[in-house]
Amino acid sequence: MKALFFNKPGIENLIFSDYQLPDIRDDEILVETKCTSVNPIDYYTVTGIHGVNGPAMKINPYPHIAGSEIAGTIKSKGERVNNTIREGDRVIIYNRVFDGICKYCKNNHQMLCENGGMIGISRNGGFAEYVIVPQQNIIKIPDGLDWELACGLPIAGLTAYNAIQESRLKSEEKLVVFGGSGNTGLFCTQIGKLIDAITISLSSKPWIKEYGADYVLPIDENLREKILEITNGTMADVVINSLGENTWAKGMDIVGKLGRIITFGVLTGGNLFIDGRLLYNKQITIKGTTGGSVEGLLNLIEMTKEQSIRTKIWKRYSLEDSKIAIEKIFDKNREGRIIIENY
């Protein structure tokens, strides 16, 4: 098959060429990729370093194929795969590898599996014509769900859904989303709006209002005063901040009493300074979240059927040009998601 792969970390080491597709095991499924979304984690996988000054990525196997947000169709399956999965089924791939038997899996936290990993990191991913995955990672999708939105659900969509769920966001509460124009930020704003929260998206991109933001604000020296005005002095009930250390202090500054701060990323660095006085005087809760569960992904798919959840595509690339797609993920001019089409 054709694939984008590398033998050692580094964007400069990416090769688009033939890759030997291994035989599938009895409990595995061969998926023909149709649409793959490019996520920052793909860039980190290729470079081998997780974020700014982060740890080395544990990548397997080599040569390695990255790509963790995948939608496609069933091409073939192993002998022990159940009969509800058929050739031609439209699917997305739950991207966390999990054993299903550890204490976290048993409590529906597959993303925290003691023996887990991630498709695209601990096993080959979707920047290829085909990808092999365990049958438990296959999630069927309805015919009405287009490939563009579908491929963004396993990471960007599910991470946002899980963050909102864990924040206990309620109707009429004030939600502030840092990185509002990013893949996950757009989902956070839309899901927050479906809960009838007051949504405040922090970005320089005014088009976010089209995706459910009641307010779009820049991250500048006037941010606190603007949040004070919008909230009538009570500040934010929930702050979602996946940008990391460069904006962490501002997030702490705009959260209100009994407020909740959720983080699932450290795009600008992982050293998050916390003023203990703010923490206890306002009884702030800070919580980290990562990905989401299989049940959460199924719930999110139902939401896309019943509610208006949309995505914004900035650029489309062919599989052959997927190296360029990865290079563009941190482009300052990016206006939405980057996808790789294979159909």
Protein backbone atom coordinates (compact mmCIF):
# COMPACT_ATOMS: atom_id res chain seq x y z
CA MET A 1 0.00 0.00 0.00
CA LYS A 2 1.00 3.67 -0.29
CA ALA A 3 1.77 5.41 3.01
CA LEU A 4 3.59 8.33 4.60
CA PHE A 5 6.11 6.92 7.07
CA PHE A 6 9.43 7.60 8.77
CA ASN A 7 12.33 5.45 9.93
CA LYS A 8 13.50 7.94 12.55
CA PRO A 9 11.87 11.06 14.05
CA GLY A 10 11.90 14.29 12.11
CA ILE A 11 9.66 15.98 9.53
CA GLU A 12 12.58 15.84 7.11
CA ASN A 13 12.56 12.04 7.41
CA LEU A 14 9.00 11.52 6.15
CA ILE A 15 8.76 9.31 3.07
CA PHE A 16 5.74 8.72 0.83
CA SER A 17 6.20 5.35 -0.76
CA ASP A 18 5.14 1.69 -0.70
CA TYR A 19 4.74 0.15 2.76
CA GLN A 20 4.30 -3.56 3.36
CA LEU A 21 0.87 -4.12 4.87
CA PRO A 22 1.07 -6.91 7.49
CA ASP A 23 -1.47 -9.72 7.69
CA ILE A 24 -4.41 -9.01 9.96
CA ARG A 25 -4.89 -11.09 13.11
CA ASP A 26 -8.08 -12.95 13.96
CA ASP A 27 -9.42 -10.10 16.11
CA GLU A 28 -8.34 -7.24 13.84
CA ILE A 29 -9.97 -5.27 11.05
CA LEU A 30 -8.53 -3.74 7.90
CA VAL A 31 -9.93 -0.27 7.25
CA GLU A 32 -9.60 1.58 3.96
CA THR A 33 -9.01 5.21 4.94
CA LYS A 34 -11.31 7.83 3.45
CA CYS A 35 -10.52 10.93 5.46
CA THR A 36 -7.85 11.58 8.08
CA SER A 37 -7.70 14.76 10.17
CA VAL A 38 -4.33 16.28 11.01
CA ASN A 39 -3.91 16.90 14.73
CA PRO A 40 -1.01 18.43 16.70
CA ILE A 41 -0.34 14.96 18.14
CA ASP A 42 0.59 13.82 14.62
CA TYR A 43 3.24 16.52 14.39
CA TYR A 44 4.61 15.55 17.81
CA THR A 45 4.69 11.89 16.77
CA VAL A 46 6.67 12.66 13.63
CA THR A 47 9.13 14.94 15.45
CA GLY A 48 9.38 12.52 18.39
CA ILE A 49 8.88 15.20 21.07
CA HIS A 50 5.57 15.84 22.86
CA GLY A 51 5.10 19.61 22.77
CA VAL A 52 7.36 22.48 23.80
CA ASN A 53 10.29 21.05 25.79
CA GLY A 54 8.27 17.90 26.30
CA PRO A 55 9.27 14.27 26.75
CA ALA A 56 10.25 11.93 23.95
CA MET A 57 7.40 10.05 22.29
CA LYS A 58 7.36 6.26 22.64
CA ILE A 59 6.77 5.26 19.02
CA ASN A 60 6.15 1.76 17.71
CA PRO A 61 6.70 0.19 15.20
CA TYR A 62 9.42 1.50 12.91
CA PRO A 63 9.10 2.32 10.06
CA HIS A 64 6.15 4.23 11.50
CA ILE A 65 2.91 5.61 10.09
CA ALA A 66 1.35 8.45 12.12
CA GLY A 67 -2.27 9.65 11.91
CA SER A 68 -4.70 9.28 14.83
CA GLU A 69 -8.02 10.73 13.61
CA ILE A 70 -9.34 8.30 11.03
CA ALA A 71 -12.57 7.62 9.15
CA GLY A 72 -13.01 4.96 6.49
CA THR A 73 -14.73 1.77 5.39
CA ILE A 74 -14.26 -1.86 6.39
CA LYS A 75 -12.15 -3.67 3.79
CA SER A 76 -11.72 -7.06 5.50
CA LYS A 77 -11.74 -8.63 8.96
CA GLY A 78 -10.22 -11.45 10.98
CA GLU A 79 -11.96 -14.75 11.64
CA ARG A 80 -12.94 -13.91 15.25
CA VAL A 81 -14.47 -10.49 14.48
CA ASN A 82 -18.18 -10.48 15.26
CA ASN A 83 -20.79 -10.62 12.51
CA THR A 84 -22.20 -7.14 13.18
CA ILE A 85 -19.16 -5.69 11.44
CA ARG A 86 -19.35 -6.10 7.68
CA GLU A 87 -17.28 -5.21 4.66
CA GLY A 88 -18.22 -1.75 3.41
CA ASP A 89 -19.40 -0.42 6.79
CA ARG A 90 -18.64 3.27 7.32
CA VAL A 91 -16.61 3.68 10.51
CA ILE A 92 -14.42 5.91 12.60
CA ILE A 93 -11.64 4.56 14.78
CA TYR A 94 -11.56 5.08 18.54
CA ASN A 95 -7.91 6.02 18.77
CA ARG A 96 -6.99 4.69 22.23
CA VAL A 97 -5.57 1.18 22.40
CA PHE A 98 -7.01 -0.55 25.48
CA ASP A 99 -7.15 -4.04 27.00
CA GLY A 100 -10.73 -3.88 28.34
CA ILE A 101 -9.85 -5.64 31.59
CA CYS A 102 -7.88 -3.19 33.76
CA LYS A 103 -9.66 -1.21 36.51
CA TYR A 104 -9.89 1.90 34.31
CA CYS A 105 -11.37 0.08 31.33
CA LYS A 106 -13.89 -1.65 33.60
CA ASN A 107 -15.01 1.79 34.79
CA ASN A 108 -15.41 3.12 31.23
CA HIS A 109 -12.14 5.04 31.18
CA GLN A 110 -10.48 3.28 28.27
CA MET A 111 -8.33 6.35 27.59
CA LEU A 112 -6.55 5.66 30.90
CA CYS A 113 -5.92 1.96 30.30
CA GLU A 114 -2.96 0.61 32.28
CA ASN A 115 -1.76 -1.24 29.20
CA GLY A 116 -2.95 1.28 26.66
CA GLY A 117 -1.53 3.33 23.85
CA MET A 118 -2.71 5.31 20.86
CA ILE A 119 -3.28 4.39 17.26
CA GLY A 120 -0.79 6.44 15.29
CA ILE A 121 1.76 6.31 18.11
CA SER A 122 1.97 2.87 19.74
CA ARG A 123 0.82 1.22 16.52
CA ASN A 124 0.55 2.40 12.93
CA GLY A 125 -2.01 5.07 12.08
CA GLY A 126 -4.01 6.50 9.23
CA PHE A 127 -1.64 8.37 6.91
CA ALA A 128 -1.90 5.42 4.54
CA GLU A 129 -4.32 3.73 2.18
CA TYR A 130 -5.17 1.18 4.87
CA VAL A 131 -4.89 0.82 8.63
CA ILE A 132 -5.24 -2.29 10.80
CA VAL A 133 -6.98 -1.89 14.17
CA PRO A 134 -8.47 -4.12 16.92
CA GLN A 135 -12.19 -4.76 16.45
CA GLN A 136 -12.99 -3.00 19.74
CA ASN A 137 -11.75 0.27 18.23
CA ILE A 138 -14.26 0.20 15.38
CA ILE A 139 -17.20 2.59 15.74
CA LYS A 140 -19.88 2.54 13.06
CA ILE A 141 -21.20 5.87 11.80
CA PRO A 142 -24.49 6.71 10.07
CA ASP A 143 -24.65 7.39 6.33
CA GLY A 144 -25.63 11.00 6.98
CA LEU A 145 -22.40 11.80 8.82
CA ASP A 146 -19.93 13.17 6.25
CA TRP A 147 -16.28 12.13 6.22
CA GLU A 148 -15.02 15.63 7.06
CA LEU A 149 -16.85 15.83 10.37
CA ALA A 150 -16.52 12.12 11.13
CA CYS A 151 -12.72 12.05 11.07
CA GLY A 152 -12.56 14.93 13.58
CA LEU A 153 -14.67 13.17 16.21
CA PRO A 154 -12.17 10.62 17.69
CA ILE A 155 -9.76 13.24 19.10
CA ALA A 156 -10.89 16.86 18.65
CA GLY A 157 -14.59 16.15 19.14
CA LEU A 158 -14.26 13.54 21.90
CA THR A 159 -11.67 15.55 23.84
CA ALA A 160 -14.06 18.52 23.82
CA TYR A 161 -17.05 16.37 24.80
CA ASN A 162 -15.16 14.79 27.70
CA ALA A 163 -13.85 18.17 28.91
CA ILE A 164 -17.35 19.68 28.94
CA GLN A 165 -18.78 16.62 30.71
CA GLU A 166 -16.06 16.68 33.37
CA SER A 167 -16.55 20.43 33.90
CA ARG A 168 -20.22 19.85 34.87
CA LEU A 169 -21.18 22.86 32.74
CA LYS A 170 -24.80 23.89 33.22
CA SER A 171 -27.31 25.97 31.32
CA GLU A 172 -26.68 29.73 31.54
CA GLU A 173 -23.22 29.29 33.03
CA LYS A 174 -20.37 31.24 31.46
CA LEU A 175 -17.91 29.14 29.47
CA VAL A 176 -14.57 30.58 28.32
CA VAL A 177 -12.60 28.63 25.71
CA PHE A 178 -8.95 29.42 25.07
CA GLY A 179 -7.81 28.53 21.55
CA GLY A 180 -11.35 28.93 20.27
CA SER A 181 -10.45 28.58 16.58
CA GLY A 182 -8.53 25.33 17.07
CA ASN A 183 -9.84 21.86 16.28
CA THR A 184 -11.00 21.14 19.83
CA GLY A 185 -11.92 24.74 20.63
CA LEU A 186 -14.61 24.77 17.94
CA PHE A 187 -16.14 21.60 19.33
CA CYS A 188 -16.03 22.96 22.91
CA THR A 189 -17.90 26.11 21.89
CA GLN A 190 -20.57 24.22 19.97
CA ILE A 191 -21.15 21.63 22.70
CA GLY A 192 -21.28 24.40 25.30
CA LYS A 193 -23.91 26.19 23.25
CA LEU A 194 -26.01 23.03 23.03
CA ILE A 195 -26.09 23.08 26.85
CA ASP A 196 -27.33 26.69 26.65
CA ALA A 197 -24.19 28.09 28.27
CA ILE A 198 -22.97 31.61 27.56
CA THR A 199 -19.99 30.88 25.31
CA ILE A 200 -16.95 33.15 25.20
CA SER A 201 -14.34 32.10 22.66
CA LEU A 202 -10.85 33.55 22.94
CA SER A 203 -9.36 34.06 19.50
CA SER A 204 -8.54 36.68 16.91
CA LYS A 205 -10.84 34.94 14.39
CA PRO A 206 -14.31 36.57 14.21
CA TRP A 207 -15.81 33.71 12.18
CA ILE A 208 -16.06 31.63 15.37
CA LYS A 209 -19.40 33.37 16.02
CA GLU A 210 -20.80 31.23 13.21
CA TYR A 211 -20.05 28.17 15.38
CA GLY A 212 -21.95 29.11 18.51
CA ALA A 213 -19.77 31.69 20.24
CA ASP A 214 -21.77 34.44 21.92
CA TYR A 215 -18.61 36.51 22.28
CA VAL A 216 -15.21 36.36 20.54
CA LEU A 217 -12.41 38.12 22.39
CA PRO A 218 -8.67 38.49 21.81
CA ILE A 219 -6.27 37.39 24.54
CA ASP A 220 -4.88 40.78 25.52
CA GLU A 221 -4.38 43.09 28.50
CA ASN A 222 -8.10 43.98 28.52
CA LEU A 223 -9.35 40.42 28.79
CA ARG A 224 -10.17 40.49 32.50
CA GLU A 225 -12.17 43.72 32.20
CA LYS A 226 -14.14 42.37 29.25
CA ILE A 227 -14.99 39.15 31.08
CA LEU A 228 -16.03 41.21 34.12
CA GLU A 229 -18.39 43.20 31.93
CA ILE A 230 -19.90 40.22 30.12
CA THR A 231 -20.47 38.27 33.35
CA ASN A 232 -21.68 41.24 35.41
CA GLY A 233 -18.71 40.82 37.72
CA THR A 234 -19.07 37.10 38.49
CA MET A 235 -16.38 35.96 36.00
CA ALA A 236 -16.30 32.58 34.25
CA ASP A 237 -17.89 29.45 35.67
CA VAL A 238 -15.81 27.17 33.43
CA VAL A 239 -12.51 27.92 31.71
CA ILE A 240 -11.15 25.45 29.18
CA ASN A 241 -7.47 26.12 28.56
CA SER A 242 -5.48 23.77 26.37
CA LEU A 243 -2.84 26.33 25.39
CA GLY A 244 -0.60 25.81 28.41
CA GLU A 245 1.80 28.03 30.29
CA ASN A 246 1.67 31.19 28.15
CA THR A 247 -2.02 31.75 28.93
CA TRP A 248 -2.37 29.89 32.22
CA ALA A 249 -2.21 32.96 34.46
CA LYS A 250 -4.92 34.70 32.43
CA GLY A 251 -7.15 31.64 32.80
CA MET A 252 -6.70 31.69 36.57
CA ASP A 253 -7.44 35.42 36.59
CA ILE A 254 -10.81 35.19 34.82
CA VAL A 255 -12.37 32.21 36.59
CA GLY A 256 -14.96 33.04 39.23
CA LYS A 257 -15.81 31.68 42.67
CA LEU A 258 -16.47 27.92 42.59
CA GLY A 259 -15.20 28.02 39.02
CA ARG A 260 -13.70 25.05 37.20
CA ILE A 261 -10.59 25.10 35.02
CA ILE A 262 -10.17 22.22 32.58
CA THR A 263 -6.95 21.50 30.71
CA PHE A 264 -6.17 18.80 28.16
CA GLY A 265 -3.16 20.27 26.39
CA VAL A 266 0.02 22.28 26.86
CA LEU A 267 0.57 23.74 23.41
CA THR A 268 2.84 26.53 24.67
CA GLY A 269 4.53 24.54 27.45
CA GLY A 270 3.66 22.46 30.49
CA ASN A 271 4.87 24.57 33.41
CA LEU A 272 1.57 25.80 34.85
CA PHE A 273 2.08 28.28 37.71
CA ILE A 274 -0.73 28.30 40.27
CA ASP A 275 -1.23 30.98 42.90
CA GLY A 276 -2.53 29.02 45.88
CA ARG A 277 -4.32 32.09 47.25
CA LEU A 278 -6.50 32.34 44.17
CA LEU A 279 -7.12 28.62 44.31
CA TYR A 280 -8.46 28.48 47.84
CA ASN A 281 -9.98 31.95 48.19
CA LYS A 282 -12.28 31.33 45.24
CA GLN A 283 -12.57 27.55 45.76
CA ILE A 284 -11.42 26.89 42.23
CA THR A 285 -11.30 23.33 40.90
CA ILE A 286 -8.56 22.49 38.38
CA LYS A 287 -8.98 19.27 36.46
CA GLY A 288 -7.04 17.57 33.71
CA THR A 289 -8.83 15.51 31.08
CA THR A 290 -7.55 13.39 28.23
CA GLY A 291 -9.44 12.10 25.21
CA GLY A 292 -12.60 10.32 26.24
CA SER A 293 -14.30 6.94 26.51
CA VAL A 294 -15.89 4.66 23.92
CA GLU A 295 -19.28 5.52 25.41
CA GLY A 296 -18.47 9.21 25.09
CA LEU A 297 -17.65 8.79 21.40
CA LEU A 298 -20.93 6.95 20.81
CA ASN A 299 -22.81 9.75 22.60
CA LEU A 300 -21.02 12.34 20.47
CA ILE A 301 -22.08 10.57 17.28
CA GLU A 302 -25.69 10.68 18.51
CA MET A 303 -25.30 14.41 19.12
CA THR A 304 -24.19 14.93 15.52
CA LYS A 305 -27.36 13.16 14.37
CA GLU A 306 -29.70 15.16 16.59
CA GLN A 307 -27.97 18.54 16.80
CA SER A 308 -26.20 20.92 14.46
CA ILE A 309 -22.48 20.29 15.04
CA ARG A 310 -20.28 21.51 12.22
CA THR A 311 -16.64 21.69 11.35
CA LYS A 312 -14.54 24.18 9.40
CA ILE A 313 -12.01 22.93 6.87
CA TRP A 314 -9.05 25.15 6.05
CA LYS A 315 -7.09 22.97 3.65
CA ARG A 316 -7.50 19.59 1.96
CA TYR A 317 -4.62 17.42 0.83
CA SER A 318 -4.22 14.14 -0.97
CA LEU A 319 -2.49 11.26 0.79
CA GLU A 320 0.52 11.87 -1.45
CA ASP A 321 0.80 15.44 -0.09
CA SER A 322 0.19 14.55 3.56
CA LYS A 323 3.70 15.65 4.57
CA ILE A 324 2.72 19.21 3.64
CA ALA A 325 -0.47 18.82 5.68
CA ILE A 326 1.51 17.92 8.81
CA GLU A 327 3.89 20.84 8.27
CA LYS A 328 0.90 23.22 8.14
CA ILE A 329 -0.66 22.26 11.49
CA PHE A 330 0.92 25.18 13.40
CA ASP A 331 0.59 27.70 10.58
CA LYS A 332 -0.41 31.05 12.10
CA ASN A 333 -2.76 31.64 9.18
CA ARG A 334 -4.70 28.42 9.77
CA GLU A 335 -8.46 28.94 9.66
CA GLY A 336 -9.94 25.59 10.65
CA ARG A 337 -8.96 21.96 10.28
CA ILE A 338 -6.59 20.26 7.85
CA ILE A 339 -7.74 16.99 6.36
CA ILE A 340 -6.26 14.31 4.10
CA GLU A 341 -8.73 12.88 1.63
CA ASN A 342 -8.43 9.41 0.14
CA TYR A 343 -11.66 9.11 -1.82
